[in-house]
Protein backbone atom coordinates (compact mmCIF):
# COMPACT_ATOMS: atom_id res chain seq x y z
CA MET A 1 -23.94 -32.80 11.18
CA GLY A 2 -21.53 -31.59 8.71
CA LYS A 3 -21.60 -27.99 10.16
CA ARG A 4 -21.05 -29.07 13.67
CA VAL A 5 -18.23 -31.54 12.29
CA ARG A 6 -16.53 -28.43 10.52
CA GLU A 7 -16.68 -26.29 13.88
CA TRP A 8 -15.02 -29.20 15.70
CA TYR A 9 -12.32 -29.29 12.84
CA VAL A 10 -12.01 -25.33 13.79
CA PHE A 11 -12.24 -25.63 17.30
CA LEU A 12 -9.76 -28.38 17.85
CA PRO A 13 -6.77 -26.98 16.65
CA VAL A 14 -7.28 -23.83 18.52
CA VAL A 15 -7.31 -25.69 21.62
CA PHE A 16 -4.19 -27.62 20.55
CA ALA A 17 -2.63 -24.28 19.98
CA GLY A 18 -3.69 -22.81 23.35
CA GLY A 19 -2.01 -25.99 25.06
CA ILE A 20 1.31 -25.74 23.01
CA LEU A 21 1.79 -21.81 23.90
CA SER A 22 0.88 -22.84 27.71
CA TYR A 23 3.53 -25.63 27.76
CA LEU A 24 6.15 -23.27 25.76
CA TYR A 25 5.59 -20.42 27.83
CA ARG A 26 5.72 -22.89 31.43
CA LEU A 27 2.45 -21.70 32.33
CA LYS A 28 0.75 -23.21 35.28
CA LEU A 29 -2.64 -24.94 35.61
CA LEU A 30 -4.78 -21.67 36.70
CA CYS A 31 -3.13 -19.65 33.55
CA VAL A 32 -3.83 -22.59 31.19
CA LEU A 33 -7.56 -22.92 32.14
CA ILE A 34 -7.86 -19.12 31.76
CA LEU A 35 -6.14 -18.85 28.22
CA GLY A 36 -8.08 -21.65 27.14
CA ALA A 37 -10.98 -19.88 28.19
CA ALA A 38 -10.33 -16.72 26.47
CA PHE A 39 -9.23 -18.65 23.00
CA ALA A 40 -12.30 -20.67 23.38
CA GLY A 41 -14.66 -17.33 23.51
CA ALA A 42 -12.50 -15.54 20.99
CA LEU A 43 -13.29 -18.35 18.33
CA PRO A 44 -16.90 -17.28 17.51
CA LEU A 45 -15.50 -13.68 17.28
CA TRP A 46 -12.86 -14.61 15.07
CA LYS A 47 -15.63 -16.45 12.86
CA ARG A 48 -18.06 -14.03 12.83
CA GLY A 49 -15.48 -11.26 12.04
CA ARG A 50 -14.48 -13.46 9.32
CA ASN A 51 -18.05 -14.18 8.02
CA LEU A 52 -18.96 -10.21 8.34
CA ARG A 53 -15.80 -9.51 6.21
CA LEU A 54 -16.75 -11.92 3.46
CA LEU A 55 -20.33 -10.33 3.77
CA GLN A 56 -19.05 -6.57 3.02
CA GLN A 57 -16.83 -7.61 0.05
CA ARG A 58 -19.84 -9.39 -1.53
CA ARG A 59 -21.95 -6.53 -1.10
CA PHE A 60 -19.59 -4.09 -2.48
CA ALA A 61 -19.17 -6.33 -5.39
CA ASP A 62 -23.08 -6.62 -5.83
CA ALA A 63 -23.43 -3.11 -5.84
CA ASN A 64 -20.78 -2.25 -8.18
CA ILE A 65 -22.35 -4.62 -11.09
CA TYR A 66 -25.73 -3.17 -10.25
CA MET A 67 -24.54 0.41 -10.69
CA GLU A 68 -22.68 -0.47 -13.86
CA GLN A 69 -25.50 -2.83 -15.61
CA VAL A 70 -28.30 -0.86 -14.65
CA LEU A 71 -26.76 2.00 -16.05
CA TYR A 72 -26.10 0.32 -19.20
CA SER A 73 -29.47 -0.77 -19.49
CA PHE A 74 -31.24 2.42 -18.85
CA ARG A 75 -29.35 4.00 -21.49
CA LYS A 76 -31.04 2.00 -24.11
CA ASN A 77 -34.51 2.68 -23.31
CA HIS A 78 -34.88 5.55 -20.44
CA LYS A 79 -37.23 2.93 -18.32
CA ILE A 80 -36.30 2.17 -14.89
CA LEU A 81 -38.72 -0.72 -14.93
CA SER A 82 -37.25 -2.51 -17.97
CA ALA A 83 -33.51 -1.60 -16.47
CA LEU A 84 -34.33 -3.16 -13.29
CA THR A 85 -35.70 -6.32 -15.00
CA ASP A 86 -32.55 -6.73 -17.15
CA VAL A 87 -30.27 -6.43 -14.28
CA GLU A 88 -32.18 -8.84 -11.93
CA ARG A 89 -31.27 -11.74 -14.52
CA LEU A 90 -27.61 -11.21 -13.63
CA PHE A 91 -28.27 -12.16 -9.91
CA PRO A 92 -29.16 -15.90 -9.58
CA ARG A 93 -29.39 -15.44 -5.78
CA GLY A 94 -28.81 -13.48 -2.92
CA THR A 95 -29.64 -10.03 -1.14
CA MET A 96 -29.17 -7.59 -4.19
CA LYS A 97 -31.74 -10.04 -6.32
CA SER A 98 -33.72 -10.13 -3.66
CA CYS A 99 -34.16 -6.09 -3.27
CA ILE A 100 -34.51 -5.58 -6.83
CA GLY A 101 -37.18 -8.63 -7.14
CA ASP A 102 -38.95 -6.42 -4.16
CA ALA A 103 -38.85 -2.94 -5.97
CA LEU A 104 -40.09 -4.81 -9.22
CA SER A 105 -42.71 -6.20 -7.49
CA TYR A 106 -43.76 -2.74 -5.83
CA ILE A 107 -43.66 -1.11 -9.04
CA ARG A 108 -46.11 -3.50 -10.86
CA ASP A 109 -48.23 -3.96 -7.99
CA THR A 110 -48.88 -0.68 -6.55
CA TYR A 111 -51.55 1.63 -7.56
CA GLY A 112 -53.14 4.77 -7.06
CA GLU A 113 -49.91 5.69 -4.99
CA GLY A 114 -47.49 8.73 -5.72
CA GLN A 115 -43.55 8.27 -6.07
CA VAL A 116 -44.06 4.86 -6.82
CA LEU A 117 -40.86 4.37 -8.71
CA GLU A 118 -39.02 6.73 -6.10
CA LYS A 119 -39.98 4.24 -3.20
CA ALA A 120 -38.94 1.08 -5.16
CA LEU A 121 -35.51 2.38 -5.59
CA ASN A 122 -35.01 3.50 -1.99
CA ARG A 123 -35.74 0.06 -1.31
CA ILE A 124 -32.74 -1.08 -2.97
CA GLU A 125 -31.10 1.98 -1.34
CA ARG A 126 -31.76 1.14 1.77
CA GLU A 127 -30.12 -2.01 1.61
CA TYR A 128 -27.65 -1.06 -0.21
CA PRO A 129 -26.45 2.99 1.11
CA ALA A 130 -23.76 3.57 -1.43
CA GLN A 131 -23.88 7.27 -2.41
CA ARG A 132 -23.32 6.44 -5.81
CA ILE A 133 -26.12 4.20 -5.98
CA SER A 134 -28.19 7.27 -4.88
CA TYR A 135 -26.84 9.13 -7.69
CA VAL A 136 -27.68 6.65 -10.16
CA HIS A 137 -30.70 6.46 -9.15
CA ARG A 138 -31.64 10.07 -8.97
CA LEU A 139 -30.45 10.32 -12.79
CA MET A 140 -32.93 7.62 -13.41
CA LEU A 141 -36.08 9.46 -11.73
CA ARG A 142 -35.40 12.64 -13.48
CA THR A 143 -34.72 11.59 -17.17
CA GLU A 144 -37.79 9.25 -16.99
CA ARG A 145 -39.87 11.92 -15.61
CA ILE A 146 -38.87 14.58 -18.01
CA GLY A 147 -37.27 12.84 -20.84
CA GLY A 148 -33.95 14.52 -22.68
CA ASP A 149 -30.56 13.06 -23.35
CA CYS A 150 -28.94 11.45 -20.39
CA GLU A 151 -25.95 9.94 -22.65
CA ALA A 152 -23.55 12.35 -21.00
CA SER A 153 -24.11 11.81 -17.12
CA VAL A 154 -24.31 8.12 -17.38
CA ARG A 155 -20.97 8.10 -19.23
CA ILE A 156 -19.48 10.55 -16.16
CA LEU A 157 -21.29 7.99 -13.66
CA LEU A 158 -19.81 5.03 -15.18
CA LYS A 159 -16.69 6.45 -15.09
CA ASP A 160 -17.18 7.80 -11.57
CA ARG A 161 -18.20 4.07 -10.72
CA ASP A 162 -14.85 2.84 -12.07
CA VAL A 163 -12.56 5.08 -10.43
CA TRP A 164 -14.51 4.27 -6.90
CA GLU A 165 -14.25 0.62 -7.68
CA LYS A 166 -10.77 1.07 -8.42
CA GLU A 167 -9.59 2.84 -5.53
CA THR A 168 -11.77 0.79 -3.23
CA VAL A 169 -10.07 -2.18 -4.33
CA SER A 170 -6.59 -0.60 -3.93
CA TYR A 171 -7.26 -0.01 -0.52
CA GLN A 172 -8.74 -3.27 0.46
CA LYS A 173 -5.54 -4.64 -1.13
CA ARG A 174 -3.45 -2.35 1.13
CA CYS A 175 -5.72 -3.10 4.21
CA GLN A 176 -5.35 -7.16 3.39
CA PHE A 177 -1.31 -6.10 3.45
CA GLN A 178 -1.52 -4.12 6.30
CA ARG A 179 -3.08 -7.26 8.47
CA ARG A 180 -1.04 -9.39 7.49
CA ASN A 181 1.78 -7.02 8.87
CA ILE A 182 0.12 -6.41 11.91
CA LEU A 183 -0.43 -10.47 12.60
CA SER A 184 3.34 -10.89 11.62
CA ALA A 185 4.21 -8.38 14.56
CA ILE A 186 2.23 -10.07 17.02
CA LEU A 187 3.78 -13.43 15.98
CA LEU A 188 7.27 -11.87 16.10
CA SER A 189 6.57 -10.66 19.63
CA CYS A 190 5.16 -13.79 20.89
CA LEU A 191 8.58 -15.59 19.77
CA LEU A 192 10.45 -12.96 21.02
CA CYS A 193 9.04 -13.47 24.82
CA LEU A 194 9.62 -17.10 24.13
CA LEU A 195 13.54 -16.06 24.76
CA THR A 196 12.99 -16.28 28.60
CA PRO A 197 11.30 -19.74 29.53
CA VAL A 198 14.07 -21.37 26.74
CA LEU A 199 16.91 -19.78 28.79
CA CYS A 200 15.17 -20.68 31.83
CA GLN A 201 15.30 -24.31 30.49
CA GLY A 202 18.93 -23.75 30.14
CA ALA A 203 21.62 -21.95 31.57
CA LEU A 204 19.21 -20.29 33.88
CA ARG A 205 17.78 -23.69 35.01
CA ASP A 206 18.15 -23.30 38.68
CA LEU A 207 16.70 -19.73 39.04
CA GLY A 208 13.13 -20.74 38.65
CA VAL A 209 12.15 -17.61 37.20
CA THR A 210 8.98 -19.25 35.32
CA ASP A 211 7.82 -20.58 38.43
CA SER A 212 7.22 -16.86 39.81
CA PRO A 213 3.63 -15.60 39.59
CA VAL A 214 5.33 -12.04 38.45
CA TYR A 215 6.39 -14.51 35.37
CA GLN A 216 2.92 -16.28 35.08
CA ILE A 217 0.80 -13.33 35.57
CA GLY A 218 2.81 -10.94 33.00
CA THR A 219 2.78 -14.24 30.58
CA LEU A 220 -0.82 -14.69 30.81
CA PHE A 221 -1.49 -10.86 30.13
CA MET A 222 1.16 -10.73 27.05
CA LEU A 223 -0.82 -13.50 25.46
CA LEU A 224 -4.27 -12.09 26.30
CA ALA A 225 -3.59 -8.80 25.14
CA SER A 226 -2.09 -10.41 21.82
CA LEU A 227 -5.25 -11.97 21.23
CA MET A 228 -7.54 -9.29 21.93
CA LEU A 229 -5.03 -6.91 19.58
CA TYR A 230 -5.76 -9.93 17.15
CA LEU A 231 -9.11 -9.62 17.16
CA LEU A 232 -9.16 -5.53 17.24
CA THR A 233 -7.15 -5.79 14.16
CA GLU A 234 -9.59 -8.02 12.29
CA GLN A 235 -12.55 -5.77 13.49
CA TYR A 236 -10.83 -2.73 12.16
CA PHE A 237 -10.50 -4.35 9.00
CA THR A 238 -13.92 -5.28 8.15
CA ARG A 239 -15.48 -2.69 6.71
CA ASP A 240 -18.23 -1.10 5.20
CA TRP A 241 -17.17 -0.54 1.95
CA LEU A 242 -20.62 1.08 0.50
CA LYS A 243 -20.30 4.21 2.93
CA GLY A 244 -17.51 5.94 1.01
CA LYS A 245 -15.57 8.43 2.41
CA SER A 246 -14.80 9.39 5.87
CA PHE A 247 -15.37 13.11 7.04
CA GLY A 248 -14.18 14.65 10.23
CA ASN A 249 -16.20 15.38 13.38
CA ALA A 250 -18.73 17.80 11.86
CA GLY A 251 -18.72 19.90 15.04
CA SER A 252 -15.10 19.95 15.20
CA VAL A 253 -14.66 20.62 11.49
CA LEU A 254 -17.32 23.35 11.70
CA ASN A 255 -15.38 25.01 14.75
CA GLN A 256 -11.92 25.18 12.56
CA TYR A 257 -13.70 26.85 9.56
CA GLU A 258 -15.07 29.52 11.72
CA LYS A 259 -11.58 29.93 13.48
CA VAL A 260 -10.14 30.30 9.67
CA VAL A 261 -12.42 32.67 8.31
CA HIS A 262 -12.95 34.85 11.01
CA PHE A 263 -9.42 35.08 12.10
CA ASP A 264 -8.56 38.23 13.92
CA TYR A 265 -4.50 38.30 13.49
CA LYS A 266 -3.70 41.28 15.86
CA LYS A 267 -6.28 39.93 18.61
CA GLU A 268 -4.51 36.69 18.16
CA ARG A 269 -1.14 38.25 18.35
CA LYS A 270 -1.64 40.07 21.52
CA LYS A 271 -3.13 36.88 23.07
CA SER A 272 0.59 34.90 22.03
CA LEU A 273 2.40 37.75 23.38
CA TYR A 274 0.95 37.70 26.36
CA MET A 275 1.03 33.72 26.90
CA ALA A 276 5.15 34.11 26.26
CA GLY A 277 5.32 36.96 28.94
CA ILE A 278 6.03 35.14 31.85
CA PRO A 279 8.63 32.57 29.88
CA VAL A 280 10.49 35.29 28.66
CA VAL A 281 11.18 37.04 32.05
CA SER A 282 12.13 33.52 32.81
CA LEU A 283 14.61 33.24 30.24
CA ILE A 284 16.03 36.83 30.97
CA PHE A 285 16.32 35.50 34.40
CA PHE A 286 18.01 32.46 33.47
CA LEU A 287 20.16 34.18 30.97
CA ALA A 288 21.80 36.57 33.44
CA ALA A 289 22.00 34.05 35.91
CA GLY A 290 24.02 31.70 33.44
CA HIS A 291 21.92 28.84 33.71
CA TRP A 292 22.39 27.72 30.27
CA PHE A 293 20.41 24.65 30.09
CA CYS A 294 17.09 26.43 31.45
CA VAL A 295 17.71 29.07 28.54
CA ALA A 296 18.15 26.12 26.02
CA PHE A 297 14.66 24.81 27.53
CA LEU A 298 12.83 27.78 27.72
CA PHE A 299 13.89 29.72 24.15
CA PRO A 300 12.12 27.34 21.79
CA VAL A 301 9.35 27.57 24.63
CA CYS A 302 9.18 31.12 24.03
CA LEU A 303 9.03 31.06 20.17
CA LEU A 304 6.24 28.62 20.34
CA LEU A 305 4.16 30.33 22.78
CA ALA A 306 4.88 33.62 20.71
CA PHE A 307 4.04 32.37 17.42
CA GLN A 308 1.42 29.98 18.41
CA HIS A 309 -1.37 31.68 16.58
CA ARG A 310 0.16 31.31 13.41
CA ILE A 311 0.68 27.65 14.05
CA GLY A 312 -2.81 26.87 14.88
CA TYR A 313 -4.31 28.95 12.00
CA SER A 314 -1.92 27.39 9.72
CA LEU A 315 -3.01 23.86 11.39
CA ALA A 316 -6.67 24.64 11.02
CA ARG A 317 -6.54 26.13 7.73
CA LYS A 318 -4.73 22.97 6.34
CA SER A 319 -7.54 20.55 8.26
CA VAL A 320 -10.34 22.63 6.79
CA VAL A 321 -8.92 22.50 2.95
CA HIS A 322 -8.27 18.89 3.35
CA GLU A 323 -12.12 18.26 4.46
CA ILE A 324 -13.62 20.38 1.43
CA ARG A 325 -11.47 18.78 -0.92
CA LYS A 326 -13.18 15.40 0.26
CA ALA A 327 -16.84 17.24 0.47
CA PHE A 328 -16.90 19.40 -2.74
CA PRO A 329 -17.02 16.67 -5.38
CA ASP A 330 -20.17 14.92 -3.90
CA TRP A 331 -21.71 18.27 -3.61
CA LEU A 332 -20.96 18.95 -7.47
CA MET A 333 -22.17 16.01 -8.24
CA GLU A 334 -25.65 16.63 -6.75
CA VAL A 335 -25.67 19.87 -8.45
CA SER A 336 -24.61 18.38 -11.57
CA LEU A 337 -27.92 16.01 -11.62
CA LEU A 338 -29.93 18.76 -10.55
CA LEU A 339 -28.90 20.64 -13.35
CA GLN A 340 -30.68 18.61 -15.79
CA THR A 341 -34.34 19.81 -14.54
CA GLU A 342 -33.00 23.09 -13.01
CA ASN A 343 -31.24 26.39 -13.79
CA VAL A 344 -27.74 27.28 -11.99
CA GLN A 345 -29.37 29.01 -9.09
CA ASN A 346 -32.19 26.72 -7.99
CA SER A 347 -29.74 23.94 -8.34
CA ILE A 348 -27.43 25.23 -6.15
CA LYS A 349 -30.18 25.99 -3.72
CA LYS A 350 -31.66 22.68 -3.79
CA SER A 351 -28.60 20.99 -3.33
CA MET A 352 -28.02 22.65 0.30
CA GLU A 353 -30.04 20.01 2.08
CA SER A 354 -28.13 17.29 1.50
CA ALA A 355 -24.69 18.92 1.02
CA PRO A 356 -21.68 18.20 3.46
CA GLU A 357 -21.73 20.28 6.72
CA ILE A 358 -18.48 22.02 5.96
CA LEU A 359 -19.98 23.56 2.95
CA LYS A 360 -23.13 25.02 3.97
CA PRO A 361 -21.89 28.14 5.66
CA GLU A 362 -20.37 29.02 2.26
CA LEU A 363 -23.42 27.93 0.24
CA ILE A 364 -25.64 30.02 2.27
CA ASN A 365 -23.67 33.16 1.80
CA LEU A 366 -23.74 32.06 -1.91
CA VAL A 367 -27.26 31.62 -2.13
CA GLU A 368 -28.12 34.84 -0.74
CA HIS A 369 -25.72 36.93 -2.70
CA LEU A 370 -26.86 35.29 -6.20
CA GLU A 371 -30.52 36.57 -4.98
CA ALA A 372 -29.38 39.69 -4.15
CA SER A 373 -27.40 40.14 -7.69
CA PRO A 374 -28.01 37.06 -9.84
CA GLU A 375 -26.58 38.19 -13.15
CA SER A 376 -22.97 38.98 -11.30
CA ASN A 377 -20.15 36.96 -11.39
CA VAL A 378 -18.86 37.76 -8.15
CA PRO A 379 -20.83 35.37 -5.90
CA PHE A 380 -19.25 32.72 -7.69
CA SER A 381 -15.76 33.92 -7.36
CA ARG A 382 -16.00 34.57 -3.89
CA PHE A 383 -17.10 31.13 -3.08
CA MET A 384 -14.21 29.51 -0.57
CA GLN A 385 -11.90 32.28 -1.61
CA GLU A 386 -10.35 32.05 1.56
CA PHE A 387 -8.75 28.59 1.06
CA SER A 388 -7.65 29.43 -2.62
CA ILE A 389 -8.59 26.19 -3.95
CA PRO A 390 -8.06 25.49 -7.69
CA GLU A 391 -10.49 22.86 -8.33
CA ILE A 392 -12.99 24.88 -6.46
CA SER A 393 -12.61 28.16 -8.36
CA SER A 394 -12.46 26.15 -11.92
CA ALA A 395 -15.91 24.81 -11.16
CA MET A 396 -17.35 27.83 -9.81
CA GLY A 397 -16.41 29.20 -12.99
CA MET A 398 -17.78 26.77 -14.92
CA LEU A 399 -21.11 27.23 -13.26
CA TYR A 400 -21.33 30.76 -13.90
CA SER A 401 -20.21 30.37 -17.43
CA LEU A 402 -23.51 27.81 -17.79
CA SER A 403 -25.93 30.21 -15.72
CA ASP A 404 -24.82 33.21 -17.65
CA GLY A 405 -24.82 31.13 -20.95
CA SER A 406 -21.94 33.04 -22.17
CA GLY A 407 -19.70 29.84 -22.74
CA SER A 408 -20.12 27.35 -25.49
CA ASP A 409 -22.83 24.67 -25.88
CA ALA A 410 -24.43 23.88 -22.63
CA ASP A 411 -24.37 20.20 -22.98
CA VAL A 412 -20.78 20.55 -23.50
CA GLN A 413 -20.05 22.46 -20.51
CA MET A 414 -21.96 19.99 -18.26
CA GLU A 415 -20.10 17.39 -19.94
CA GLU A 416 -16.75 19.18 -18.86
CA ILE A 417 -18.03 19.62 -15.35
CA LEU A 418 -19.11 16.04 -14.93
CA SER A 419 -16.08 15.03 -16.25
CA ARG A 420 -13.59 17.02 -13.95
CA ASN A 421 -15.85 16.05 -10.94
CA ALA A 422 -15.30 12.53 -11.47
CA ARG A 423 -11.26 13.14 -11.57
CA TRP A 424 -11.60 15.22 -8.10
CA MET A 425 -14.33 12.40 -6.85
CA GLY A 426 -11.49 9.83 -7.44
CA GLU A 427 -8.75 12.26 -5.84
CA ALA A 428 -11.11 12.82 -2.69
CA GLU A 429 -11.71 8.60 -2.73
CA ALA A 430 -8.08 8.66 -2.31
CA MET A 431 -7.74 11.04 0.27
CA SER A 432 -10.04 9.63 2.44
CA ASN A 433 -8.26 6.13 2.27
CA GLN A 434 -5.08 7.60 3.05
CA ASP A 435 -6.71 9.38 6.34
CA LYS A 436 -7.85 5.73 7.12
CA ALA A 437 -4.25 4.27 6.65
CA ALA A 438 -3.09 6.60 8.64
CA LYS A 439 -4.64 4.91 11.63
CA MET A 440 -3.14 1.63 10.66
CA TYR A 441 0.29 2.47 11.95
CA MET A 442 -0.59 2.30 15.64
CA LEU A 443 -1.82 -1.31 15.22
CA PHE A 444 1.33 -2.00 13.93
CA LEU A 445 3.43 -0.52 16.55
CA ILE A 446 1.37 -2.04 19.70
CA PRO A 447 3.06 -5.87 19.52
CA ALA A 448 6.43 -4.18 19.42
CA LEU A 449 5.51 -2.20 22.44
CA LEU A 450 3.88 -5.26 24.21
CA GLY A 451 6.67 -7.48 23.30
CA ALA A 452 9.17 -4.53 24.99
CA LEU A 453 7.63 -4.37 27.96
CA LYS A 454 7.20 -8.17 28.34
CA MET A 455 10.96 -8.71 27.78
CA VAL A 456 11.84 -6.02 30.30
CA LEU A 457 9.81 -7.80 33.05
CA ASP A 458 11.24 -10.94 32.18
CA MET A 459 15.23 -9.18 32.25
CA THR A 460 14.40 -7.79 35.66
CA LEU A 461 12.91 -11.20 36.92
CA ILE A 462 16.10 -12.84 35.76
CA LEU A 463 18.52 -10.04 37.34
CA PHE A 464 16.28 -10.03 40.75
CA ALA A 465 16.73 -13.87 41.04
CA PHE A 466 20.28 -14.12 39.93
CA PHE A 467 21.32 -11.56 42.73
CA SER A 468 19.51 -12.94 45.36
CA ARG A 469 21.37 -16.41 44.68
CA VAL A 470 24.56 -14.61 44.90
CA GLN A 471 23.83 -13.19 48.04
CA VAL A 472 22.78 -16.46 49.48
């Protein structure tokens, strides 16, 4: 009964708001009914979106607490069962507690099966599919299976978790700020469109613009579009924060990669010159004829076509470098975890299965060259050399030093690799968030465009009504 009362408390203000809008915009009964139905239909969608947003924030918070506390607990005794038991007590209720309890029950009650710990931890990963949770679980599994000191790896994973939390919380605040800006833009656009009915109730009372079917339909469309834009904004800013970085379309990015790696400058230059041929001939003709407007228009077109191969290469290379910078830290983290039990060459080979698509072509070449000349540093130095990314060159140099055994203590080298990679992962997370934030700007522009179009329509109706009245 209490829940139904709360729903009515939400529903009644929405109906009241729809009635106020209908009165202010001078809508007819049919438009009022359509608008009311739209508001009534939007209410459940808004409530579902709000609940989903709260749920995703709670899942993110639970995942962070779990990763931090399970690493602290595991560091003490290197036992997964004990670590999960300690962490379960931190969650009084909720999905995370159920997942941990399910994993503990599976470990305690399962006999005669292989990979019991892996299957138990997978139950948590299925519900909380964060890549960093997978990293934590792999570290725990390898340490319990083969032993050894995992102190450095635990410290780096804790640092990486802290960076991820700060970057995500910062992005969440940015999303909330942008969401308020878009809502303000929608409200300002709707308030601006109130100028027409206000004028028609005062100085332009005799024109009867608000009674026009065109005004009624245009106003209804504007209000419905504003409502849809608000719902779209709510949906856009409701994210699964556990999914981590967003990568570009794999097929498109690989095509860009192939274009950069196999770029034939002479062939592409000839193609550009052929494309610029006809515009150049036209430019010469208009230049001789003295048509300076056409010359001014064609000259930049000719330059664009003549150098389009360089422009296309530059844009493709920039896009590929951007994706590589986001993908490389994830791969290096995978390699670092594998290095606990494998040598460098085997770690690189085993990492290929889960490596980001943009790195796989280069990893295939790296593995082939390592098998052909395992003692050489050339395969490491050639990795991604076309893109001249300092972080990759530095990391590959450290991996070669670790493989060759020519550097300092291996544990110190591993900690240095992990420490640098944690910083790179934070930078990659920030880059990914910037990519998402760039799309927000379009949502901010739409209300202004919508309000401008509505005002143009209203002013046109007023002018037509005024001139019709003057002619009469």
